[in-house]
Amino acid sequence: MTIRIVCFGLMFFVQPFGWWTWVFALAAAVLPYIAVVFANAGSDSTETAAESPLREIDAPPAPSLAPETAPDVITIREGRTDR
């Protein structure tokens, strides 16, 4: 970022305006793009390996279901008469 700011400054302070001005302007415009591409390319350091579909994990046995019984029913009534 500092190099980009320096390029902007030199773009205005280098006299007479000529091809150097365009070089500094181009550097100020392109340097952030190059920095972002370089930073994003370097961050992918994980190795990817193919995993075999044949290797599976055994599932635990299903729990046995208890015989169905009548569930206990709880009724909640709200109103002025409850107070």
PDB file of N, CA and C in Angstrom:
ATOM      1  N   MET A   1       0.837  -1.191   0.000  1.00  0.00           N
ATOM      2  CA  MET A   1       0.000   0.000   0.000  1.00  0.00           C
ATOM      3  C   MET A   1       0.880   1.252   0.000  1.00  0.00           C
ATOM      4  N   THR A   2       1.999   1.179   0.695  1.00  0.00           N
ATOM      5  CA  THR A   2       2.905   2.334   0.730  1.00  0.00           C
ATOM      6  C   THR A   2       3.458   2.629  -0.651  1.00  0.00           C
ATOM      7  N   ILE A   3       3.804   1.570  -1.394  1.00  0.00           N
ATOM      8  CA  ILE A   3       4.334   1.770  -2.753  1.00  0.00           C
ATOM      9  C   ILE A   3       3.278   2.422  -3.633  1.00  0.00           C
ATOM     10  N   ARG A   4       2.029   2.056  -3.450  1.00  0.00           N
ATOM     11  CA  ARG A   4       0.953   2.653  -4.236  1.00  0.00           C
ATOM     12  C   ARG A   4       0.799   4.142  -3.920  1.00  0.00           C
ATOM     13  N   ILE A   5       0.878   4.489  -2.648  1.00  0.00           N
ATOM     14  CA  ILE A   5       0.778   5.906  -2.262  1.00  0.00           C
ATOM     15  C   ILE A   5       1.946   6.696  -2.816  1.00  0.00           C
ATOM     16  N   VAL A   6       3.134   6.101  -2.779  1.00  0.00           N
ATOM     17  CA  VAL A   6       4.311   6.771  -3.345  1.00  0.00           C
ATOM     18  C   VAL A   6       4.121   6.972  -4.846  1.00  0.00           C
ATOM     19  N   CYS A   7       3.559   5.977  -5.527  1.00  0.00           N
ATOM     20  CA  CYS A   7       3.311   6.120  -6.967  1.00  0.00           C
ATOM     21  C   CYS A   7       2.322   7.248  -7.254  1.00  0.00           C
ATOM     22  N   PHE A   8       1.273   7.364  -6.422  1.00  0.00           N
ATOM     23  CA  PHE A   8       0.342   8.483  -6.599  1.00  0.00           C
ATOM     24  C   PHE A   8       1.048   9.814  -6.389  1.00  0.00           C
ATOM     25  N   GLY A   9       1.869   9.899  -5.366  1.00  0.00           N
ATOM     26  CA  GLY A   9       2.595  11.145  -5.101  1.00  0.00           C
ATOM     27  C   GLY A   9       3.541  11.496  -6.234  1.00  0.00           C
ATOM     28  N   LEU A  10       4.318  10.526  -6.700  1.00  0.00           N
ATOM     29  CA  LEU A  10       5.257  10.783  -7.792  1.00  0.00           C
ATOM     30  C   LEU A  10       4.531  11.128  -9.083  1.00  0.00           C
ATOM     31  N   MET A  11       3.325  10.598  -9.250  1.00  0.00           N
ATOM     32  CA  MET A  11       2.547  10.904 -10.443  1.00  0.00           C
ATOM     33  C   MET A  11       2.249  12.404 -10.526  1.00  0.00           C
ATOM     34  N   PHE A  12       2.075  13.065  -9.368  1.00  0.00           N
ATOM     35  CA  PHE A  12       1.760  14.492  -9.368  1.00  0.00           C
ATOM     36  C   PHE A  12       2.995  15.379  -9.241  1.00  0.00           C
ATOM     37  N   PHE A  13       4.063  14.849  -8.628  1.00  0.00           N
ATOM     38  CA  PHE A  13       5.214  15.712  -8.352  1.00  0.00           C
ATOM     39  C   PHE A  13       6.330  15.618  -9.374  1.00  0.00           C
ATOM     40  N   VAL A  14       6.348  14.596 -10.217  1.00  0.00           N
ATOM     41  CA  VAL A  14       7.399  14.493 -11.235  1.00  0.00           C
ATOM     42  C   VAL A  14       7.050  15.462 -12.358  1.00  0.00           C
ATOM     43  N   GLN A  15       7.984  16.358 -12.622  1.00  0.00           N
ATOM     44  CA  GLN A  15       7.780  17.367 -13.667  1.00  0.00           C
ATOM     45  C   GLN A  15       8.855  17.194 -14.722  1.00  0.00           C
ATOM     46  N   PRO A  16       8.683  17.422 -15.916  1.00  0.00           N
ATOM     47  CA  PRO A  16       7.450  17.671 -16.640  1.00  0.00           C
ATOM     48  C   PRO A  16       6.661  16.377 -16.783  1.00  0.00           C
ATOM     49  N   PHE A  17       5.339  16.536 -16.943  1.00  0.00           N
ATOM     50  CA  PHE A  17       4.495  15.358 -17.104  1.00  0.00           C
ATOM     51  C   PHE A  17       4.862  14.656 -18.404  1.00  0.00           C
ATOM     52  N   GLY A  18       5.102  13.390 -18.332  1.00  0.00           N
ATOM     53  CA  GLY A  18       5.496  12.639 -19.525  1.00  0.00           C
ATOM     54  C   GLY A  18       5.174  11.177 -19.328  1.00  0.00           C
ATOM     55  N   TRP A  19       6.011  10.344 -19.902  1.00  0.00           N
ATOM     56  CA  TRP A  19       5.744   8.911 -19.840  1.00  0.00           C
ATOM     57  C   TRP A  19       5.931   8.368 -18.421  1.00  0.00           C
ATOM     58  N   TRP A  20       6.759   9.023 -17.593  1.00  0.00           N
ATOM     59  CA  TRP A  20       6.903   8.597 -16.202  1.00  0.00           C
ATOM     60  C   TRP A  20       5.583   8.738 -15.441  1.00  0.00           C
ATOM     61  N   THR A  21       4.854   9.773 -15.769  1.00  0.00           N
ATOM     62  CA  THR A  21       3.563   9.976 -15.116  1.00  0.00           C
ATOM     63  C   THR A  21       2.642   8.789 -15.382  1.00  0.00           C
ATOM     64  N   TRP A  22       2.642   8.310 -16.621  1.00  0.00           N
ATOM     65  CA  TRP A  22       1.803   7.164 -16.968  1.00  0.00           C
ATOM     66  C   TRP A  22       2.294   5.877 -16.308  1.00  0.00           C
ATOM     67  N   VAL A  23       3.591   5.743 -16.146  1.00  0.00           N
ATOM     68  CA  VAL A  23       4.137   4.554 -15.480  1.00  0.00           C
ATOM     69  C   VAL A  23       3.704   4.528 -14.014  1.00  0.00           C
ATOM     70  N   PHE A  24       3.801   5.688 -13.346  1.00  0.00           N
ATOM     71  CA  PHE A  24       3.384   5.751 -11.944  1.00  0.00           C
ATOM     72  C   PHE A  24       1.872   5.533 -11.806  1.00  0.00           C
ATOM     73  N   ALA A  25       1.080   6.076 -12.721  1.00  0.00           N
ATOM     74  CA  ALA A  25      -0.370   5.887 -12.678  1.00  0.00           C
ATOM     75  C   ALA A  25      -0.724   4.416 -12.899  1.00  0.00           C
ATOM     76  N   LEU A  26      -0.056   3.783 -13.833  1.00  0.00           N
ATOM     77  CA  LEU A  26      -0.306   2.372 -14.100  1.00  0.00           C
ATOM     78  C   LEU A  26       0.098   1.511 -12.894  1.00  0.00           C
ATOM     79  N   ALA A  27       1.227   1.839 -12.296  1.00  0.00           N
ATOM     80  CA  ALA A  27       1.671   1.082 -11.117  1.00  0.00           C
ATOM     81  C   ALA A  27       0.691   1.256  -9.961  1.00  0.00           C
ATOM     82  N   ALA A  28       0.183   2.478  -9.767  1.00  0.00           N
ATOM     83  CA  ALA A  28      -0.770   2.723  -8.682  1.00  0.00           C
ATOM     84  C   ALA A  28      -2.087   1.984  -8.917  1.00  0.00           C
ATOM     85  N   ALA A  29      -2.444   1.775 -10.175  1.00  0.00           N
ATOM     86  CA  ALA A  29      -3.702   1.090 -10.478  1.00  0.00           C
ATOM     87  C   ALA A  29      -3.548  -0.434 -10.472  1.00  0.00           C
ATOM     88  N   VAL A  30      -2.391  -0.947 -10.865  1.00  0.00           N
ATOM     89  CA  VAL A  30      -2.218  -2.388 -11.038  1.00  0.00           C
ATOM     90  C   VAL A  30      -1.658  -3.066  -9.789  1.00  0.00           C
ATOM     91  N   LEU A  31      -0.889  -2.374  -8.982  1.00  0.00           N
ATOM     92  CA  LEU A  31      -0.272  -2.991  -7.815  1.00  0.00           C
ATOM     93  C   LEU A  31      -1.275  -3.623  -6.847  1.00  0.00           C
ATOM     94  N   PRO A  32      -2.423  -3.000  -6.542  1.00  0.00           N
ATOM     95  CA  PRO A  32      -3.375  -3.671  -5.646  1.00  0.00           C
ATOM     96  C   PRO A  32      -3.906  -4.980  -6.224  1.00  0.00           C
ATOM     97  N   TYR A  33      -4.145  -5.024  -7.510  1.00  0.00           N
ATOM     98  CA  TYR A  33      -4.631  -6.249  -8.139  1.00  0.00           C
ATOM     99  C   TYR A  33      -3.590  -7.360  -8.012  1.00  0.00           C
ATOM    100  N   ILE A  34      -2.342  -7.035  -8.294  1.00  0.00           N
ATOM    101  CA  ILE A  34      -1.265  -8.024  -8.198  1.00  0.00           C
ATOM    102  C   ILE A  34      -1.120  -8.499  -6.761  1.00  0.00           C
ATOM    103  N   ALA A  35      -1.210  -7.607  -5.801  1.00  0.00           N
ATOM    104  CA  ALA A  35      -1.071  -7.981  -4.395  1.00  0.00           C
ATOM    105  C   ALA A  35      -2.204  -8.911  -3.951  1.00  0.00           C
ATOM    106  N   VAL A  36      -3.427  -8.640  -4.370  1.00  0.00           N
ATOM    107  CA  VAL A  36      -4.566  -9.482  -3.986  1.00  0.00           C
ATOM    108  C   VAL A  36      -4.457 -10.857  -4.627  1.00  0.00           C
ATOM    109  N   VAL A  37      -4.091 -10.924  -5.886  1.00  0.00           N
ATOM    110  CA  VAL A  37      -3.940 -12.212  -6.562  1.00  0.00           C
ATOM    111  C   VAL A  37      -2.822 -13.015  -5.911  1.00  0.00           C
ATOM    112  N   PHE A  38      -1.723 -12.375  -5.584  1.00  0.00           N
ATOM    113  CA  PHE A  38      -0.602 -13.058  -4.936  1.00  0.00           C
ATOM    114  C   PHE A  38      -0.992 -13.554  -3.543  1.00  0.00           C
ATOM    115  N   ALA A  39      -1.706 -12.750  -2.793  1.00  0.00           N
ATOM    116  CA  ALA A  39      -2.111 -13.140  -1.435  1.00  0.00           C
ATOM    117  C   ALA A  39      -3.122 -14.280  -1.469  1.00  0.00           C
ATOM    118  N   ASN A  40      -4.058 -14.250  -2.390  1.00  0.00           N
ATOM    119  CA  ASN A  40      -5.059 -15.316  -2.474  1.00  0.00           C
ATOM    120  C   ASN A  40      -4.455 -16.622  -2.975  1.00  0.00           C
ATOM    121  N   ALA A  41      -3.473 -16.547  -3.846  1.00  0.00           N
ATOM    122  CA  ALA A  41      -2.849 -17.768  -4.359  1.00  0.00           C
ATOM    123  C   ALA A  41      -2.002 -18.427  -3.288  1.00  0.00           C
ATOM    124  N   GLY A  42      -1.433 -17.675  -2.384  1.00  0.00           N
ATOM    125  CA  GLY A  42      -0.577 -18.243  -1.356  1.00  0.00           C
ATOM    126  C   GLY A  42      -1.333 -18.802  -0.177  1.00  0.00           C
ATOM    127  N   SER A  43      -2.608 -18.479  -0.015  1.00  0.00           N
ATOM    128  CA  SER A  43      -3.351 -18.915   1.165  1.00  0.00           C
ATOM    129  C   SER A  43      -3.903 -20.331   1.034  1.00  0.00           C
ATOM    130  N   ASP A  44      -3.905 -20.903  -0.141  1.00  0.00           N
ATOM    131  CA  ASP A  44      -4.451 -22.248  -0.342  1.00  0.00           C
ATOM    132  C   ASP A  44      -3.336 -23.272  -0.164  1.00  0.00           C
ATOM    133  N   SER A  45      -3.047 -23.615   1.090  1.00  0.00           N
ATOM    134  CA  SER A  45      -1.952 -24.528   1.368  1.00  0.00           C
ATOM    135  C   SER A  45      -2.432 -25.904   1.815  1.00  0.00           C
ATOM    136  N   THR A  46      -3.717 -26.170   1.756  1.00  0.00           N
ATOM    137  CA  THR A  46      -4.232 -27.470   2.168  1.00  0.00           C
ATOM    138  C   THR A  46      -4.137 -28.448   1.005  1.00  0.00           C
ATOM    139  N   GLU A  47      -3.753 -29.670   1.326  1.00  0.00           N
ATOM    140  CA  GLU A  47      -3.677 -30.692   0.297  1.00  0.00           C
ATOM    141  C   GLU A  47      -5.034 -31.375   0.173  1.00  0.00           C
ATOM    142  N   THR A  48      -5.428 -31.628  -1.032  1.00  0.00           N
ATOM    143  CA  THR A  48      -6.687 -32.320  -1.252  1.00  0.00           C
ATOM    144  C   THR A  48      -6.373 -33.743  -1.681  1.00  0.00           C
ATOM    145  N   ALA A  49      -6.963 -34.684  -1.010  1.00  0.00           N
ATOM    146  CA  ALA A  49      -6.763 -36.088  -1.339  1.00  0.00           C
ATOM    147  C   ALA A  49      -8.127 -36.725  -1.593  1.00  0.00           C
ATOM    148  N   ALA A  50      -8.169 -37.603  -2.569  1.00  0.00           N
ATOM    149  CA  ALA A  50      -9.416 -38.286  -2.879  1.00  0.00           C
ATOM    150  C   ALA A  50      -9.688 -39.328  -1.807  1.00  0.00           C
ATOM    151  N   GLU A  51     -10.914 -39.397  -1.366  1.00  0.00           N
ATOM    152  CA  GLU A  51     -11.298 -40.359  -0.345  1.00  0.00           C
ATOM    153  C   GLU A  51     -12.043 -41.498  -1.014  1.00  0.00           C
ATOM    154  N   SER A  52     -11.669 -42.703  -0.659  1.00  0.00           N
ATOM    155  CA  SER A  52     -12.258 -43.880  -1.274  1.00  0.00           C
ATOM    156  C   SER A  52     -13.709 -44.037  -0.833  1.00  0.00           C
ATOM    157  N   PRO A  53     -14.620 -44.265  -1.767  1.00  0.00           N
ATOM    158  CA  PRO A  53     -16.015 -44.481  -1.373  1.00  0.00           C
ATOM    159  C   PRO A  53     -16.224 -45.873  -0.763  1.00  0.00           C
ATOM    160  N   LEU A  54     -15.243 -46.757  -0.874  1.00  0.00           N
ATOM    161  CA  LEU A  54     -15.389 -48.099  -0.320  1.00  0.00           C
ATOM    162  C   LEU A  54     -15.162 -48.120   1.184  1.00  0.00           C
ATOM    163  N   ARG A  55     -14.424 -47.163   1.696  1.00  0.00           N
ATOM    164  CA  ARG A  55     -14.165 -47.118   3.123  1.00  0.00           C
ATOM    165  C   ARG A  55     -15.362 -46.484   3.811  1.00  0.00           C
ATOM    166  N   GLU A  56     -16.060 -47.286   4.594  1.00  0.00           N
ATOM    167  CA  GLU A  56     -17.269 -46.812   5.239  1.00  0.00           C
ATOM    168  C   GLU A  56     -17.163 -47.023   6.738  1.00  0.00           C
ATOM    169  N   ILE A  57     -17.932 -46.299   7.490  1.00  0.00           N
ATOM    170  CA  ILE A  57     -17.992 -46.448   8.936  1.00  0.00           C
ATOM    171  C   ILE A  57     -19.230 -47.269   9.253  1.00  0.00           C
ATOM    172  N   ASP A  58     -19.050 -48.309  10.093  1.00  0.00           N
ATOM    173  CA  ASP A  58     -20.201 -49.126  10.482  1.00  0.00           C
ATOM    174  C   ASP A  58     -21.123 -48.330  11.385  1.00  0.00           C
ATOM    175  N   ALA A  59     -22.400 -48.417  11.097  1.00  0.00           N
ATOM    176  CA  ALA A  59     -23.391 -47.715  11.906  1.00  0.00           C
ATOM    177  C   ALA A  59     -23.703 -48.538  13.143  1.00  0.00           C
ATOM    178  N   PRO A  60     -23.966 -47.897  14.271  1.00  0.00           N
ATOM    179  CA  PRO A  60     -24.340 -48.662  15.465  1.00  0.00           C
ATOM    180  C   PRO A  60     -25.707 -49.321  15.244  1.00  0.00           C
ATOM    181  N   PRO A  61     -25.965 -50.430  15.947  1.00  0.00           N
ATOM    182  CA  PRO A  61     -27.268 -51.095  15.752  1.00  0.00           C
ATOM    183  C   PRO A  61     -28.407 -50.196  16.217  1.00  0.00           C
ATOM    184  N   ALA A  62     -29.524 -50.328  15.543  1.00  0.00           N
ATOM    185  CA  ALA A  62     -30.691 -49.513  15.878  1.00  0.00           C
ATOM    186  C   ALA A  62     -31.245 -49.949  17.232  1.00  0.00           C
ATOM    187  N   PRO A  63     -31.655 -48.985  18.067  1.00  0.00           N
ATOM    188  CA  PRO A  63     -32.199 -49.372  19.379  1.00  0.00           C
ATOM    189  C   PRO A  63     -33.545 -50.082  19.202  1.00  0.00           C
ATOM    190  N   SER A  64     -33.782 -51.045  20.086  1.00  0.00           N
ATOM    191  CA  SER A  64     -35.046 -51.768  19.984  1.00  0.00           C
ATOM    192  C   SER A  64     -36.175 -50.877  20.496  1.00  0.00           C
ATOM    193  N   LEU A  65     -37.300 -50.958  19.847  1.00  0.00           N
ATOM    194  CA  LEU A  65     -38.435 -50.129  20.215  1.00  0.00           C
ATOM    195  C   LEU A  65     -39.219 -50.800  21.331  1.00  0.00           C
ATOM    196  N   ALA A  66     -39.526 -50.042  22.333  1.00  0.00           N
ATOM    197  CA  ALA A  66     -40.323 -50.562  23.450  1.00  0.00           C
ATOM    198  C   ALA A  66     -41.770 -50.714  22.988  1.00  0.00           C
ATOM    199  N   PRO A  67     -42.514 -51.630  23.578  1.00  0.00           N
ATOM    200  CA  PRO A  67     -43.925 -51.767  23.178  1.00  0.00           C
ATOM    201  C   PRO A  67     -44.678 -50.472  23.499  1.00  0.00           C
ATOM    202  N   GLU A  68     -45.570 -50.151  22.618  1.00  0.00           N
ATOM    203  CA  GLU A  68     -46.294 -48.891  22.789  1.00  0.00           C
ATOM    204  C   GLU A  68     -47.258 -48.959  23.963  1.00  0.00           C
ATOM    205  N   THR A  69     -47.187 -47.952  24.786  1.00  0.00           N
ATOM    206  CA  THR A  69     -48.122 -47.826  25.899  1.00  0.00           C
ATOM    207  C   THR A  69     -48.831 -46.500  25.751  1.00  0.00           C
ATOM    208  N   ALA A  70     -49.924 -46.391  26.432  1.00  0.00           N
ATOM    209  CA  ALA A  70     -50.675 -45.141  26.357  1.00  0.00           C
ATOM    210  C   ALA A  70     -49.864 -44.040  27.042  1.00  0.00           C
ATOM    211  N   PRO A  71     -49.610 -42.930  26.351  1.00  0.00           N
ATOM    212  CA  PRO A  71     -48.834 -41.858  26.965  1.00  0.00           C
ATOM    213  C   PRO A  71     -49.654 -41.128  28.029  1.00  0.00           C
ATOM    214  N   ASP A  72     -48.947 -40.622  29.029  1.00  0.00           N
ATOM    215  CA  ASP A  72     -49.613 -39.812  30.038  1.00  0.00           C
ATOM    216  C   ASP A  72     -49.996 -38.476  29.411  1.00  0.00           C
ATOM    217  N   VAL A  73     -51.192 -38.033  29.654  1.00  0.00           N
ATOM    218  CA  VAL A  73     -51.678 -36.794  29.075  1.00  0.00           C
ATOM    219  C   VAL A  73     -51.730 -35.737  30.167  1.00  0.00           C
ATOM    220  N   ILE A  74     -51.099 -34.638  29.920  1.00  0.00           N
ATOM    221  CA  ILE A  74     -51.134 -33.515  30.848  1.00  0.00           C
ATOM    222  C   ILE A  74     -51.893 -32.399  30.162  1.00  0.00           C
ATOM    223  N   THR A  75     -52.925 -31.909  30.796  1.00  0.00           N
ATOM    224  CA  THR A  75     -53.727 -30.835  30.232  1.00  0.00           C
ATOM    225  C   THR A  75     -53.472 -29.571  31.024  1.00  0.00           C
ATOM    226  N   ILE A  76     -53.143 -28.493  30.325  1.00  0.00           N
ATOM    227  CA  ILE A  76     -52.917 -27.199  30.963  1.00  0.00           C
ATOM    228  C   ILE A  76     -54.003 -26.259  30.464  1.00  0.00           C
ATOM    229  N   ARG A  77     -54.722 -25.686  31.404  1.00  0.00           N
ATOM    230  CA  ARG A  77     -55.785 -24.749  31.045  1.00  0.00           C
ATOM    231  C   ARG A  77     -55.452 -23.413  31.667  1.00  0.00           C
ATOM    232  N   GLU A  78     -55.528 -22.407  30.882  1.00  0.00           N
ATOM    233  CA  GLU A  78     -55.248 -21.071  31.377  1.00  0.00           C
ATOM    234  C   GLU A  78     -56.514 -20.227  31.283  1.00  0.00           C
ATOM    235  N   GLY A  79     -56.718 -19.476  32.278  1.00  0.00           N
ATOM    236  CA  GLY A  79     -57.880 -18.583  32.273  1.00  0.00           C
ATOM    237  C   GLY A  79     -58.010 -17.886  33.615  1.00  0.00           C
ATOM    238  N   ARG A  80     -59.002 -17.017  33.743  1.00  0.00           N
ATOM    239  CA  ARG A  80     -59.196 -16.265  34.980  1.00  0.00           C
ATOM    240  C   ARG A  80     -59.658 -17.155  36.112  1.00  0.00           C
ATOM    241  N   THR A  81     -60.259 -18.253  35.804  1.00  0.00           N
ATOM    242  CA  THR A  81     -60.776 -19.128  36.863  1.00  0.00           C
ATOM    243  C   THR A  81     -59.667 -19.888  37.585  1.00  0.00           C
ATOM    244  N   ASP A  82     -58.490 -19.971  37.001  1.00  0.00           N
ATOM    245  CA  ASP A  82     -57.391 -20.699  37.599  1.00  0.00           C
ATOM    246  C   ASP A  82     -56.728 -19.927  38.743  1.00  0.00           C
ATOM    247  N   ARG A  83     -56.975 -18.655  38.881  1.00  0.00           N
ATOM    248  CA  ARG A  83     -56.271 -17.867  39.873  1.00  0.00           C
ATOM    249  C   ARG A  83     -56.877 -17.994  41.189  1.00  0.00           C
TER     250      ARG A  83
END
